[in-house]
């Protein structure tokens, strides 16, 4: 791990990327970008990335999803990147997380956002260094950042029956279960909280997914958070 001191007013970023050529290009593009970005550390695996973020507390962690679990491992997987995002969100909540990945399937996208990512850009969108630097600054200012292809995927999802109609299909109890899904509660924790059986919880979760026309509980939680944000 290489670490640097950043200049005052510059944003500090940790890069997490296991492709050496892409890492070098990304570092060079950001360091000469306008506004410039200070690269505090470069990591290639999930465990080391989490440790670096907790130690250095950058403004932003820019992370690929398909990375190995630890240095020396030759088994990259999107599950490792998502696990790293979840740990960073829990251990360093002040750090903003921006995904930069070729993976743009809805399942992976919503899982990363549910884990705690604040934005998602596809490498296929071909951002310039300046465009990426501006996106990082906007992320720090509180915006949620989606690259063009990711934004289109999300829009396509919401073009199904109107959002309010979908959520209005839920019963009061299903709304209670959904609220606990947003809080990342397990089925067992939901059962204990609502004083219902585990089988009943599973039935409620299945009904929620069916009514919202989705397949995964992480996506349901993300959609509910987005709905609440839109209503504020």
Protein backbone atom coordinates (compact mmCIF):
# COMPACT_ATOMS: atom_id res chain seq x y z
CA UNK A 1 0.00 0.00 0.00
CA UNK A 2 1.31 3.43 -0.93
CA UNK A 3 0.05 6.37 1.10
CA UNK A 4 0.48 10.10 0.49
CA UNK A 5 -0.27 13.31 2.36
CA UNK A 6 -2.87 15.40 0.59
CA UNK A 7 -2.67 19.15 0.13
CA UNK A 8 -5.21 21.37 1.89
CA UNK A 9 -8.56 21.61 0.05
CA UNK A 10 -7.78 18.57 -2.13
CA UNK A 11 -9.99 15.54 -1.83
CA UNK A 12 -8.30 12.36 -0.72
CA UNK A 13 -9.28 9.17 -2.53
CA UNK A 14 -8.40 5.50 -2.10
CA UNK A 15 -8.44 3.44 -5.30
CA UNK A 16 -9.45 -0.22 -5.15
CA UNK A 17 -8.75 -1.97 -8.45
CA UNK A 18 -7.01 -5.26 -9.26
CA UNK A 19 -6.22 -4.55 -12.93
CA UNK A 20 -2.72 -2.94 -12.93
CA UNK A 21 -3.05 -1.18 -16.28
CA UNK A 22 -6.45 0.29 -15.44
CA UNK A 23 -5.17 1.33 -12.00
CA UNK A 24 -2.22 3.21 -13.51
CA UNK A 25 -4.44 4.99 -16.02
CA UNK A 26 -6.99 5.89 -13.36
CA UNK A 27 -4.33 7.26 -11.02
CA UNK A 28 -2.69 9.35 -13.75
CA UNK A 29 -6.03 10.73 -14.97
CA UNK A 30 -7.16 11.81 -11.51
CA UNK A 31 -3.86 13.35 -10.47
CA UNK A 32 -3.83 15.71 -13.47
CA UNK A 33 -7.59 16.29 -13.46
CA UNK A 34 -9.28 19.62 -12.85
CA UNK A 35 -10.01 19.71 -9.97
CA UNK A 36 -7.07 17.46 -9.01
CA UNK A 37 -7.54 14.48 -6.72
CA UNK A 38 -4.98 13.20 -4.22
CA UNK A 39 -4.60 9.42 -4.32
CA UNK A 40 -3.99 8.43 -0.69
CA UNK A 41 -3.60 4.71 -1.33
CA UNK A 42 -3.97 2.06 -4.02
CA UNK A 43 -5.33 -1.34 -3.08
CA UNK A 44 -5.99 -4.46 -5.11
CA UNK A 45 -8.02 -6.63 -2.72
CA UNK A 46 -11.00 -6.35 -0.38
CA UNK A 47 -9.38 -6.96 3.02
CA UNK A 48 -6.52 -4.53 2.43
CA UNK A 49 -8.92 -1.93 1.02
CA UNK A 50 -11.08 -1.98 4.14
CA UNK A 51 -8.02 -1.69 6.39
CA UNK A 52 -6.67 1.26 4.37
CA UNK A 53 -9.99 3.10 4.43
CA UNK A 54 -10.42 2.66 8.18
CA UNK A 55 -6.84 3.80 8.78
CA UNK A 56 -6.73 6.78 6.39
CA UNK A 57 -10.40 7.88 6.29
CA UNK A 58 -10.36 9.26 2.73
CA UNK A 59 -13.09 11.49 1.41
CA UNK A 60 -14.01 8.85 -1.17
CA UNK A 61 -13.29 5.20 -1.83
CA UNK A 62 -13.38 4.46 -5.57
CA UNK A 63 -13.87 0.70 -5.83
CA UNK A 64 -14.19 -1.93 -8.51
CA UNK A 65 -16.52 -4.78 -7.51
CA UNK A 66 -14.74 -7.72 -9.05
CA UNK A 67 -11.68 -7.96 -6.78
CA UNK A 68 -9.98 -10.77 -4.84
CA UNK A 69 -10.68 -11.16 -1.12
CA UNK A 70 -7.06 -10.54 -0.11
CA UNK A 71 -3.63 -9.94 -1.63
CA UNK A 72 -2.20 -13.06 -3.23
CA UNK A 73 -5.60 -14.54 -3.98
CA UNK A 74 -6.44 -15.27 -7.61
CA UNK A 75 -10.20 -15.50 -7.08
CA UNK A 76 -11.75 -12.11 -7.89
CA UNK A 77 -15.51 -11.88 -7.41
CA UNK A 78 -18.12 -9.16 -7.16
CA UNK A 79 -19.10 -10.64 -3.79
CA UNK A 80 -15.73 -9.46 -2.42
CA UNK A 81 -16.30 -5.90 -3.57
CA UNK A 82 -19.80 -5.82 -2.13
CA UNK A 83 -18.53 -7.25 1.17
CA UNK A 84 -15.85 -4.54 1.27
CA UNK A 85 -18.47 -1.84 0.65
CA UNK A 86 -20.61 -3.19 3.48
CA UNK A 87 -17.65 -3.20 5.90
CA UNK A 88 -16.53 0.31 4.92
CA UNK A 89 -20.08 1.64 5.36
CA UNK A 90 -20.20 0.14 8.85
CA UNK A 91 -16.65 0.92 10.01
CA UNK A 92 -16.08 4.29 8.30
CA UNK A 93 -19.55 5.79 7.69
CA UNK A 94 -18.16 9.24 6.88
CA UNK A 95 -16.37 7.88 3.79
CA UNK A 96 -18.29 8.17 0.53
CA UNK A 97 -18.17 5.10 -1.71
CA UNK A 98 -18.25 5.22 -5.51
CA UNK A 99 -18.33 2.00 -7.54
CA UNK A 100 -16.43 1.96 -10.83
CA UNK A 101 -17.01 -1.40 -12.51
CA UNK A 102 -17.79 -3.12 -15.79
CA UNK A 103 -20.52 -5.03 -13.94
CA UNK A 104 -23.84 -3.27 -14.51
CA UNK A 105 -26.46 -6.01 -14.10
CA UNK A 106 -29.42 -4.87 -12.01
CA UNK A 107 -28.84 -7.55 -9.39
CA UNK A 108 -25.24 -6.45 -8.75
CA UNK A 109 -26.11 -2.75 -8.99
CA UNK A 110 -28.84 -2.87 -6.36
CA UNK A 111 -26.82 -5.13 -4.09
CA UNK A 112 -23.88 -2.69 -4.11
CA UNK A 113 -26.17 0.27 -3.41
CA UNK A 114 -27.92 -1.64 -0.65
CA UNK A 115 -24.54 -2.49 0.88
CA UNK A 116 -23.75 1.21 1.23
CA UNK A 117 -22.38 2.58 -2.06
CA UNK A 118 -23.26 6.23 -2.73
CA UNK A 119 -22.85 6.03 -6.48
CA UNK A 120 -22.19 3.67 -9.37
CA UNK A 121 -20.41 4.31 -12.66
CA UNK A 122 -19.87 1.74 -15.39
CA UNK A 123 -16.36 1.58 -16.82
CA UNK A 124 -18.07 1.25 -20.17
CA UNK A 125 -19.26 4.86 -19.89
CA UNK A 126 -15.68 6.02 -20.55
CA UNK A 127 -15.45 8.97 -18.16
CA UNK A 128 -12.53 11.36 -18.70
CA UNK A 129 -10.32 12.19 -15.73
CA UNK A 130 -11.97 15.60 -15.39
CA UNK A 131 -15.47 14.11 -15.52
CA UNK A 132 -14.60 11.52 -12.89
CA UNK A 133 -12.99 14.15 -10.65
CA UNK A 134 -16.10 16.32 -10.87
CA UNK A 135 -18.26 13.30 -10.05
CA UNK A 136 -16.12 12.62 -6.98
CA UNK A 137 -16.51 16.23 -5.82
CA UNK A 138 -20.27 16.07 -6.30
CA UNK A 139 -20.37 12.82 -4.34
CA UNK A 140 -18.60 14.49 -1.41
CA UNK A 141 -21.11 17.34 -1.55
CA UNK A 142 -23.88 14.82 -0.90
CA UNK A 143 -25.09 13.90 -4.37
CA UNK A 144 -25.78 10.34 -5.48
CA UNK A 145 -23.82 9.68 -8.66
CA UNK A 146 -24.95 7.36 -11.46
CA UNK A 147 -23.15 7.00 -14.77
CA UNK A 148 -25.32 7.33 -17.92
CA UNK A 149 -25.83 3.59 -18.49
CA UNK A 150 -26.54 2.98 -14.80
CA UNK A 151 -29.04 5.85 -14.67
CA UNK A 152 -30.79 4.41 -17.72
CA UNK A 153 -31.01 0.99 -16.09
CA UNK A 154 -32.57 2.54 -12.99
CA UNK A 155 -34.99 4.62 -15.07
CA UNK A 156 -36.06 1.49 -16.95
CA UNK A 157 -36.82 -0.18 -13.66
CA UNK A 158 -38.99 2.71 -12.52
CA UNK A 159 -40.86 2.87 -15.83
CA UNK A 160 -42.82 -0.20 -14.82
CA UNK A 161 -46.25 0.47 -13.21
CA UNK A 162 -46.08 3.74 -11.33
CA UNK A 163 -43.90 3.69 -8.23
CA UNK A 164 -46.69 4.83 -5.92
CA UNK A 165 -49.03 2.14 -7.29
CA UNK A 166 -46.46 -0.55 -6.58
CA UNK A 167 -45.93 0.50 -2.98
CA UNK A 168 -49.65 1.04 -2.42
CA UNK A 169 -50.12 -2.67 -3.03
CA UNK A 170 -48.32 -3.45 0.22
CA UNK A 171 -50.31 -4.13 3.38
CA UNK A 172 -49.52 -2.24 6.61
CA UNK A 173 -47.69 -5.32 7.92
CA UNK A 174 -45.68 -5.61 4.71
CA UNK A 175 -44.67 -1.97 5.09
CA UNK A 176 -43.42 -2.79 8.59
CA UNK A 177 -41.38 -5.69 7.22
CA UNK A 178 -40.03 -3.50 4.41
CA UNK A 179 -38.95 -0.87 6.94
CA UNK A 180 -36.94 -3.53 8.76
CA UNK A 181 -35.42 -4.70 5.46
CA UNK A 182 -34.23 -1.12 4.96
CA UNK A 183 -32.54 -1.44 8.35
CA UNK A 184 -30.80 -4.60 7.02
CA UNK A 185 -32.50 -6.86 9.55
CA UNK A 186 -32.41 -10.61 9.02
CA UNK A 187 -35.56 -12.70 8.85
CA UNK A 188 -34.93 -13.91 12.39
CA UNK A 189 -34.52 -10.35 13.66
CA UNK A 190 -37.71 -9.28 11.90
CA UNK A 191 -39.60 -12.18 13.45
CA UNK A 192 -38.37 -11.21 16.90
CA UNK A 193 -39.14 -7.53 16.40
CA UNK A 194 -42.68 -8.07 15.11
CA UNK A 195 -43.38 -11.10 17.33
CA UNK A 196 -44.30 -13.34 14.39
CA UNK A 197 -43.00 -16.67 13.17
CA UNK A 198 -40.04 -17.03 10.82
CA UNK A 199 -42.33 -18.70 8.27
CA UNK A 200 -44.64 -15.65 8.37
CA UNK A 201 -41.69 -13.31 7.80
CA UNK A 202 -40.62 -15.31 4.75
CA UNK A 203 -44.16 -15.12 3.40
CA UNK A 204 -44.25 -11.32 3.89
CA UNK A 205 -40.87 -10.90 2.17
CA UNK A 206 -41.99 -13.05 -0.76
CA UNK A 207 -45.18 -11.00 -1.09
CA UNK A 208 -43.23 -7.73 -1.00
CA UNK A 209 -40.91 -8.88 -3.77
CA UNK A 210 -43.82 -10.09 -5.89
CA UNK A 211 -45.81 -6.86 -5.47
CA UNK A 212 -42.77 -4.67 -6.24
CA UNK A 213 -41.92 -6.90 -9.23
CA UNK A 214 -38.38 -7.60 -8.11
CA UNK A 215 -36.39 -10.66 -7.07
CA UNK A 216 -34.09 -9.69 -4.20
CA UNK A 217 -34.65 -8.21 -0.75
CA UNK A 218 -31.64 -5.89 -1.20
CA UNK A 219 -33.37 -4.32 -4.18
CA UNK A 220 -36.58 -3.87 -2.18
CA UNK A 221 -34.65 -2.06 0.55
CA UNK A 222 -32.90 0.18 -1.96
CA UNK A 223 -36.15 1.05 -3.74
CA UNK A 224 -37.79 1.98 -0.45
CA UNK A 225 -34.88 4.26 0.48
CA UNK A 226 -35.10 5.94 -2.93
CA UNK A 227 -38.87 6.38 -2.56
CA UNK A 228 -38.42 8.03 0.82
CA UNK A 229 -35.73 10.32 -0.53
CA UNK A 230 -37.96 11.38 -3.43
CA UNK A 231 -40.77 12.23 -0.98
CA UNK A 232 -38.58 14.52 1.13
